[in-house]
Amino acid sequence: MPFFTILDRYIFKELLGPFIFGIAAFTCILAGSSVLFYLVGDAIKYGIPLMQVIQLFIYKLPSVVVFTFPMSMLLATILAFGRLSSDLEILALRAGGVGFYRIVVSVFAMGFLVSGLTVLFNEAVVPQATYSGQLLMHQYTEKKDPTIKQHINLTEYDEKGLPRRIVNVREVMKGKLQGVTLAEYEHGYLIRVMSAASGAWVPTGGWNFYNGVMHHFSEQNPFQVTVIQFQKEYIDIPIDPQAQTHEKAPEEMNSQELKQRIAFQERTGEDPIQNLMKFHMKFSVPFASLIFAILGAAVGVRPHRSSSALGLGISLVIILIYYILLSVGMGLGIGHVIPPLIAAWFPNLIIGTAGLVLLRRVAF
């Protein structure tokens, strides 16, 4: 039997139309409620021009589309199988000797394909678009910053994504730094800590520090520490503290960058649980497309599911249940009740099990 038969092409064609409709419908709903409303408010507050508002909206769309792919897969299977069931086409196929599991093979294949494409999209497009959007927004929000800036944290990374330098400035006023703490690393290991009462940014590139203490740690002997007291020290740091260099948030990282951030948090003793949850969700949420394909086929094959309005309503109810379970899983994971891997995949396990049970019932 050919791998991709006429039946598979027919099922794919039935799924494609509702899938595209679902992407458009769910993207409009989510973008309007979670992006546009807040973006208009920020545009008025910070005086952002119309063209930049449109650009910001485009930058934010990829993070929305990642969530609409699974939703659209669910809607597509409910509507497609609802029409096939109402027009008795599934009954005719089964009467002709085609098993129900063979009919849904195409659905599983499309669900797996959409899941894989969503993972790639979430890795290659979403982080870069989100980061670009944050940089653009920062150009306007920093204009509203007060003259005195407090608690500035700057982190410089090497080519491997490991921290090279971490700086904390208690306060910056008219270009003068107050209460500066500097930690420098080599290959991820702490080699020097310096604290200074004050400092200043040198326009040619670098910082002057005044009245401080420097601790050098020996790489060969961790118990050997050299302490130096100084009145003035210059260090080549090509970062202007007044620019407040934007540090990437987890949403602006791909999985490899986020994994490096988690490893650094573990080495420095910080609890990485939230980033661990976000790391696993980079894969669990996209693969909800496959889970929804299983459930959608089982729900859609029942009678009277061909109405688009009814199919959309059923999809919204299932999606609501999914995100409630996702919230529960996140709470259990962040609370260290269950491992973050299980917590991130918790809704997929519940919805997927329910889908397999329903699928088995309608198959016989």
Protein backbone atom coordinates (compact mmCIF):
# COMPACT_ATOMS: atom_id res chain seq x y z
CA MET A 1 0.00 0.00 0.00
CA PRO A 2 1.45 3.44 -0.93
CA PHE A 3 2.46 5.52 2.06
CA PHE A 4 0.53 8.61 0.88
CA THR A 5 -2.73 7.41 -0.70
CA ILE A 6 -5.72 9.16 -2.25
CA LEU A 7 -7.45 8.84 1.13
CA ASP A 8 -4.58 10.64 2.87
CA ARG A 9 -4.64 13.47 0.34
CA TYR A 10 -8.40 13.76 0.75
CA ILE A 11 -8.15 13.99 4.56
CA PHE A 12 -5.31 16.50 4.30
CA LYS A 13 -7.44 18.64 1.99
CA GLU A 14 -10.34 18.51 4.45
CA LEU A 15 -8.05 19.58 7.30
CA LEU A 16 -6.21 22.37 5.48
CA GLY A 17 -9.13 24.79 5.06
CA PRO A 18 -10.29 24.73 8.72
CA PHE A 19 -6.66 24.84 9.85
CA ILE A 20 -5.99 28.09 7.97
CA PHE A 21 -9.34 29.47 9.19
CA GLY A 22 -8.34 28.57 12.76
CA ILE A 23 -4.97 30.33 12.48
CA ALA A 24 -6.69 33.51 11.27
CA ALA A 25 -9.49 33.36 13.86
CA PHE A 26 -7.41 32.47 16.91
CA THR A 27 -4.59 34.88 15.97
CA CYS A 28 -7.09 37.73 15.75
CA ILE A 29 -8.62 36.78 19.11
CA LEU A 30 -5.30 36.42 20.94
CA ALA A 31 -3.56 39.34 19.25
CA GLY A 32 -6.49 41.64 19.94
CA SER A 33 -6.78 40.69 23.61
CA SER A 34 -3.16 40.12 24.65
CA VAL A 35 -1.13 42.32 22.28
CA LEU A 36 -3.05 45.15 20.62
CA PHE A 37 -4.82 46.39 23.74
CA TYR A 38 -1.58 46.87 25.70
CA LEU A 39 0.36 48.07 22.65
CA VAL A 40 -2.08 50.93 22.03
CA GLY A 41 -1.78 51.94 25.69
CA ASP A 42 2.03 51.97 25.48
CA ALA A 43 1.92 53.91 22.20
CA ILE A 44 -0.14 56.66 23.83
CA LYS A 45 1.93 56.65 27.03
CA TYR A 46 5.34 56.86 25.34
CA GLY A 47 4.36 58.68 22.13
CA ILE A 48 5.36 55.88 19.75
CA PRO A 49 4.74 56.74 16.04
CA LEU A 50 2.21 54.71 14.05
CA MET A 51 4.79 52.95 11.85
CA GLN A 52 6.72 51.79 14.91
CA VAL A 53 3.48 50.59 16.52
CA ILE A 54 2.80 48.46 13.43
CA GLN A 55 6.39 47.20 13.56
CA LEU A 56 6.03 46.28 17.24
CA PHE A 57 2.78 44.48 16.49
CA ILE A 58 4.49 42.42 13.78
CA TYR A 59 7.35 41.57 16.17
CA LYS A 60 4.85 40.29 18.76
CA LEU A 61 2.76 38.20 16.35
CA PRO A 62 5.13 35.16 16.17
CA SER A 63 4.79 34.53 19.93
CA VAL A 64 1.01 34.51 19.45
CA VAL A 65 1.07 32.24 16.40
CA VAL A 66 2.94 29.55 18.38
CA PHE A 67 -0.17 29.16 20.54
CA THR A 68 -2.64 29.36 17.64
CA PHE A 69 -1.11 26.41 15.77
CA PRO A 70 -2.30 23.80 18.34
CA MET A 71 -5.67 25.53 18.66
CA SER A 72 -6.10 25.52 14.87
CA MET A 73 -5.18 21.84 14.69
CA LEU A 74 -7.93 21.05 17.18
CA LEU A 75 -10.52 23.11 15.30
CA ALA A 76 -9.49 21.61 11.95
CA THR A 77 -9.92 18.01 13.10
CA ILE A 78 -13.27 18.71 14.80
CA LEU A 79 -14.69 20.48 11.73
CA ALA A 80 -13.21 18.09 9.15
CA PHE A 81 -14.32 14.90 10.90
CA GLY A 82 -17.62 16.51 11.79
CA ARG A 83 -18.36 17.08 8.11
CA LEU A 84 -17.17 13.61 7.10
CA SER A 85 -19.33 12.06 9.80
CA SER A 86 -22.44 14.14 9.03
CA ASP A 87 -22.20 13.35 5.30
CA LEU A 88 -21.78 9.64 6.18
CA GLU A 89 -18.42 9.49 4.40
CA ILE A 90 -16.71 7.87 7.39
CA LEU A 91 -19.51 5.29 7.54
CA ALA A 92 -19.04 4.59 3.82
CA LEU A 93 -15.29 4.18 4.24
CA ARG A 94 -15.73 1.78 7.13
CA ALA A 95 -18.35 -0.17 5.19
CA GLY A 96 -15.78 -0.44 2.37
CA GLY A 97 -13.31 -2.09 4.74
CA VAL A 98 -11.25 0.95 5.75
CA GLY A 99 -10.67 0.89 9.49
CA PHE A 100 -11.14 4.00 11.57
CA TYR A 101 -7.52 3.96 12.73
CA ARG A 102 -6.43 3.99 9.09
CA ILE A 103 -8.63 7.02 8.47
CA VAL A 104 -7.03 9.00 11.29
CA VAL A 105 -3.45 8.19 10.25
CA SER A 106 -3.47 11.35 8.12
CA VAL A 107 -4.60 13.38 11.12
CA PHE A 108 -1.76 12.06 13.26
CA ALA A 109 0.72 12.76 10.45
CA MET A 110 -0.47 16.35 10.07
CA GLY A 111 -0.50 16.86 13.85
CA PHE A 112 3.09 15.63 14.09
CA LEU A 113 4.13 17.81 11.14
CA VAL A 114 2.52 20.93 12.64
CA SER A 115 4.16 20.17 16.01
CA GLY A 116 7.60 19.87 14.43
CA LEU A 117 7.18 23.08 12.42
CA THR A 118 5.97 24.90 15.54
CA VAL A 119 9.09 23.81 17.45
CA LEU A 120 11.31 25.14 14.64
CA PHE A 121 9.29 28.36 14.46
CA ASN A 122 9.55 28.73 18.25
CA GLU A 123 13.32 28.27 18.06
CA ALA A 124 14.24 30.35 15.01
CA VAL A 125 11.63 33.11 14.67
CA VAL A 126 9.98 33.81 18.04
CA PRO A 127 13.10 34.62 20.15
CA GLN A 128 14.57 36.95 17.53
CA ALA A 129 11.27 38.72 16.89
CA THR A 130 10.58 39.14 20.62
CA TYR A 131 14.10 40.45 21.27
CA SER A 132 13.86 42.94 18.38
CA GLY A 133 10.51 44.12 19.67
CA GLN A 134 11.90 44.67 23.17
CA LEU A 135 14.85 46.65 21.81
CA LEU A 136 12.53 48.84 19.75
CA MET A 137 10.20 49.42 22.70
CA HIS A 138 13.19 50.24 24.91
CA GLN A 139 14.11 53.16 22.63
CA TYR A 140 10.88 54.86 23.65
CA THR A 141 10.47 53.71 27.25
CA GLU A 142 13.99 54.83 28.26
CA LYS A 143 13.05 58.41 27.37
CA LYS A 144 10.71 58.35 30.34
CA ASP A 145 13.41 57.18 32.74
CA PRO A 146 14.09 59.48 35.72
CA THR A 147 17.29 61.48 36.01
CA ILE A 148 18.40 59.24 38.87
CA LYS A 149 18.60 55.56 37.94
CA GLN A 150 18.81 52.92 40.65
CA HIS A 151 19.77 49.25 40.89
CA ILE A 152 21.22 48.77 37.41
CA ASN A 153 22.36 45.24 36.63
CA LEU A 154 24.54 44.58 33.60
CA THR A 155 25.72 41.17 32.40
CA GLU A 156 28.29 40.57 29.65
CA TYR A 157 28.52 37.08 28.10
CA ASP A 158 31.33 35.39 26.19
CA GLU A 159 30.99 33.63 22.83
CA LYS A 160 29.86 30.41 24.57
CA GLY A 161 27.05 32.17 26.39
CA LEU A 162 28.84 32.02 29.75
CA PRO A 163 28.99 35.17 31.91
CA ARG A 164 32.15 37.19 31.49
CA ARG A 165 31.26 40.10 33.75
CA ILE A 166 28.38 40.97 36.09
CA VAL A 167 28.03 44.53 37.32
CA ASN A 168 25.63 46.04 39.82
CA VAL A 169 25.34 49.82 40.23
CA ARG A 170 23.29 51.03 43.16
CA GLU A 171 22.64 54.43 41.62
CA VAL A 172 23.56 56.56 38.59
CA MET A 173 23.09 60.32 38.84
CA LYS A 174 24.30 62.68 36.12
CA GLY A 175 26.81 60.13 34.90
CA LYS A 176 28.28 59.40 38.36
CA LEU A 177 28.16 55.82 39.61
CA GLN A 178 27.48 55.14 43.27
CA GLY A 179 27.93 51.79 45.05
CA VAL A 180 29.48 49.62 42.32
CA THR A 181 30.01 45.84 42.59
CA LEU A 182 31.85 43.96 39.84
CA ALA A 183 32.31 40.19 39.39
CA GLU A 184 34.50 38.86 36.58
CA TYR A 185 34.62 35.29 35.26
CA GLU A 186 36.84 33.13 33.07
CA HIS A 187 35.20 30.11 31.43
CA GLY A 188 32.28 30.47 33.86
CA TYR A 189 34.45 30.50 37.03
CA LEU A 190 34.68 33.50 39.34
CA ILE A 191 38.17 35.06 39.33
CA ARG A 192 37.71 38.59 40.68
CA VAL A 193 35.25 40.60 42.79
CA MET A 194 35.55 44.32 43.21
CA SER A 195 33.48 46.83 45.17
CA ALA A 196 33.89 50.59 44.93
CA ALA A 197 32.20 53.54 46.61
CA SER A 198 31.89 55.45 43.33
CA GLY A 199 32.84 55.43 39.69
CA ALA A 200 32.44 57.11 36.32
CA TRP A 201 31.93 56.10 32.70
CA VAL A 202 34.82 57.09 30.41
CA PRO A 203 33.45 58.18 26.99
CA THR A 204 36.38 56.53 25.18
CA GLY A 205 35.18 53.19 26.57
CA GLY A 206 35.71 51.91 30.10
CA TRP A 207 34.99 52.69 33.74
CA ASN A 208 36.99 54.46 36.47
CA PHE A 209 36.40 53.17 40.00
CA TYR A 210 37.26 55.09 43.17
CA ASN A 211 37.87 54.07 46.80
CA GLY A 212 37.33 50.33 46.65
CA VAL A 213 38.56 46.85 47.43
CA MET A 214 39.44 44.09 44.96
CA HIS A 215 39.55 40.34 45.69
CA HIS A 216 41.47 38.04 43.32
CA PHE A 217 40.76 34.29 43.50
CA SER A 218 43.43 31.81 42.47
CA GLU A 219 42.28 29.31 39.87
CA GLN A 220 44.83 26.73 41.08
CA ASN A 221 44.13 27.20 44.81
CA PRO A 222 40.53 28.16 45.65
CA PHE A 223 41.58 28.98 49.24
CA GLN A 224 44.11 31.60 48.11
CA VAL A 225 42.65 35.11 47.92
CA THR A 226 44.56 38.31 47.15
CA VAL A 227 43.04 41.51 48.54
CA ILE A 228 43.95 44.89 47.05
CA GLN A 229 42.71 48.25 48.28
CA PHE A 230 42.74 51.08 45.75
CA GLN A 231 41.86 54.73 45.38
CA LYS A 232 41.41 54.63 41.61
CA GLU A 233 41.15 51.70 39.21
CA TYR A 234 40.40 51.69 35.47
CA ILE A 235 38.74 48.65 33.89
CA ASP A 236 37.97 48.26 30.19
CA ILE A 237 34.21 47.62 30.21
CA PRO A 238 32.63 48.61 26.86
CA ILE A 239 29.17 49.08 28.38
CA ASP A 240 27.63 52.46 29.17
CA PRO A 241 25.71 52.08 32.46
CA GLN A 242 23.32 54.86 31.46
CA ALA A 243 22.28 52.94 28.36
CA GLN A 244 21.03 50.09 30.57
CA THR A 245 21.92 47.37 28.09
CA HIS A 246 18.94 45.08 27.61
CA GLU A 247 19.51 41.57 28.95
CA LYS A 248 17.59 38.84 27.19
CA ALA A 249 14.50 37.51 28.91
CA PRO A 250 13.69 33.76 28.64
CA GLU A 251 11.10 34.53 25.95
CA GLU A 252 13.86 36.10 23.84
CA MET A 253 16.10 33.02 23.95
CA ASN A 254 16.12 29.80 21.98
CA SER A 255 16.37 26.53 23.86
CA GLN A 256 20.19 26.43 23.72
CA GLU A 257 20.55 29.93 25.17
CA LEU A 258 17.99 29.16 27.86
CA LYS A 259 19.82 25.93 28.70
CA GLN A 260 23.03 27.91 29.20
CA ARG A 261 21.21 30.37 31.45
CA ILE A 262 19.87 27.46 33.54
CA ALA A 263 23.38 25.96 33.84
CA PHE A 264 24.73 29.30 35.02
CA GLN A 265 21.95 29.63 37.62
CA GLU A 266 22.74 26.16 38.92
CA ARG A 267 26.45 26.99 39.23
CA THR A 268 25.75 30.23 41.09
CA GLY A 269 23.26 28.61 43.47
CA GLU A 270 20.16 30.34 42.07
CA ASP A 271 16.97 28.31 41.74
CA PRO A 272 16.43 27.80 37.96
CA ILE A 273 12.93 26.27 38.29
CA GLN A 274 11.09 28.99 36.37
CA ASN A 275 13.53 28.85 33.46
CA LEU A 276 13.40 25.04 33.54
CA MET A 277 9.63 25.21 33.17
CA LYS A 278 9.93 27.63 30.25
CA PHE A 279 12.57 25.40 28.64
CA HIS A 280 10.34 22.32 28.68
CA MET A 281 7.30 24.34 27.59
CA LYS A 282 9.18 25.34 24.44
CA PHE A 283 8.50 21.74 23.35
CA SER A 284 5.37 20.71 25.25
CA VAL A 285 3.14 23.54 23.95
CA PRO A 286 4.04 23.00 20.25
CA PHE A 287 3.40 19.26 20.61
CA ALA A 288 -0.09 20.02 21.83
CA SER A 289 -0.91 20.05 18.09
CA LEU A 290 -0.45 16.28 17.97
CA ILE A 291 -2.45 15.83 21.19
CA PHE A 292 -5.28 18.02 19.90
CA ALA A 293 -5.30 16.12 16.60
CA ILE A 294 -6.03 12.88 18.50
CA LEU A 295 -8.75 14.46 20.62
CA GLY A 296 -10.25 16.44 17.75
CA ALA A 297 -10.68 13.36 15.59
CA ALA A 298 -12.47 11.53 18.41
CA VAL A 299 -14.75 14.48 19.24
CA GLY A 300 -15.43 15.48 15.63
CA VAL A 301 -16.58 12.05 14.46
CA ARG A 302 -19.58 12.17 16.78
CA PRO A 303 -22.86 13.38 15.16
CA HIS A 304 -23.71 17.03 14.50
CA ARG A 305 -20.18 18.44 14.56
CA SER A 306 -20.11 20.00 11.08
CA SER A 307 -21.20 23.52 12.16
CA SER A 308 -18.26 25.96 12.24
CA ALA A 309 -19.77 27.87 15.16
CA LEU A 310 -20.31 24.68 17.17
CA GLY A 311 -16.85 23.39 16.29
CA LEU A 312 -15.30 26.69 17.35
CA GLY A 313 -17.24 26.59 20.63
CA ILE A 314 -16.13 23.04 21.42
CA SER A 315 -12.54 23.98 20.55
CA LEU A 316 -12.62 26.95 22.92
CA VAL A 317 -13.92 24.79 25.78
CA ILE A 318 -11.18 22.18 25.24
CA ILE A 319 -8.53 24.89 24.91
CA LEU A 320 -9.73 26.49 28.16
CA ILE A 321 -9.45 23.12 29.92
CA TYR A 322 -5.94 22.67 28.45
CA TYR A 323 -4.69 26.02 29.74
CA ILE A 324 -6.23 25.43 33.16
CA LEU A 325 -4.27 22.15 33.29
CA LEU A 326 -1.19 24.00 32.03
CA SER A 327 -1.53 26.52 34.86
CA VAL A 328 -1.93 23.70 37.38
CA GLY A 329 1.16 21.96 35.98
CA MET A 330 3.18 25.18 36.15
CA GLY A 331 2.13 25.71 39.75
CA LEU A 332 3.11 22.16 40.70
CA GLY A 333 6.42 22.48 38.87
CA ILE A 334 7.40 25.89 40.27
CA GLY A 335 6.37 24.69 43.72
CA HIS A 336 8.77 21.71 43.35
CA VAL A 337 5.86 19.29 43.86
CA ILE A 338 6.62 17.40 40.64
CA PRO A 339 9.64 17.54 38.29
CA PRO A 340 9.51 20.41 35.76
CA LEU A 341 9.56 17.99 32.80
CA ILE A 342 6.39 16.24 34.01
CA ALA A 343 4.82 19.57 35.02
CA ALA A 344 5.31 21.05 31.52
CA TRP A 345 3.88 17.95 29.81
CA PHE A 346 1.11 17.49 32.41
CA PRO A 347 -1.75 18.90 30.24
CA ASN A 348 -0.54 16.94 27.21
CA LEU A 349 -0.61 13.72 29.22
CA ILE A 350 -4.15 14.36 30.52
CA ILE A 351 -5.63 15.59 27.23
CA GLY A 352 -3.76 12.93 25.24
CA THR A 353 -5.03 10.12 27.48
CA ALA A 354 -8.60 11.41 27.20
CA GLY A 355 -8.21 11.61 23.42
CA LEU A 356 -6.95 8.01 23.13
CA VAL A 357 -9.80 6.73 25.30
CA LEU A 358 -12.42 8.54 23.20
CA LEU A 359 -10.71 7.45 20.00
CA ARG A 360 -10.84 3.81 21.08
CA ARG A 361 -14.56 4.13 21.84
CA VAL A 362 -15.50 5.60 18.46
CA ALA A 363 -13.26 3.14 16.61
CA PHE A 364 -15.42 0.14 17.59
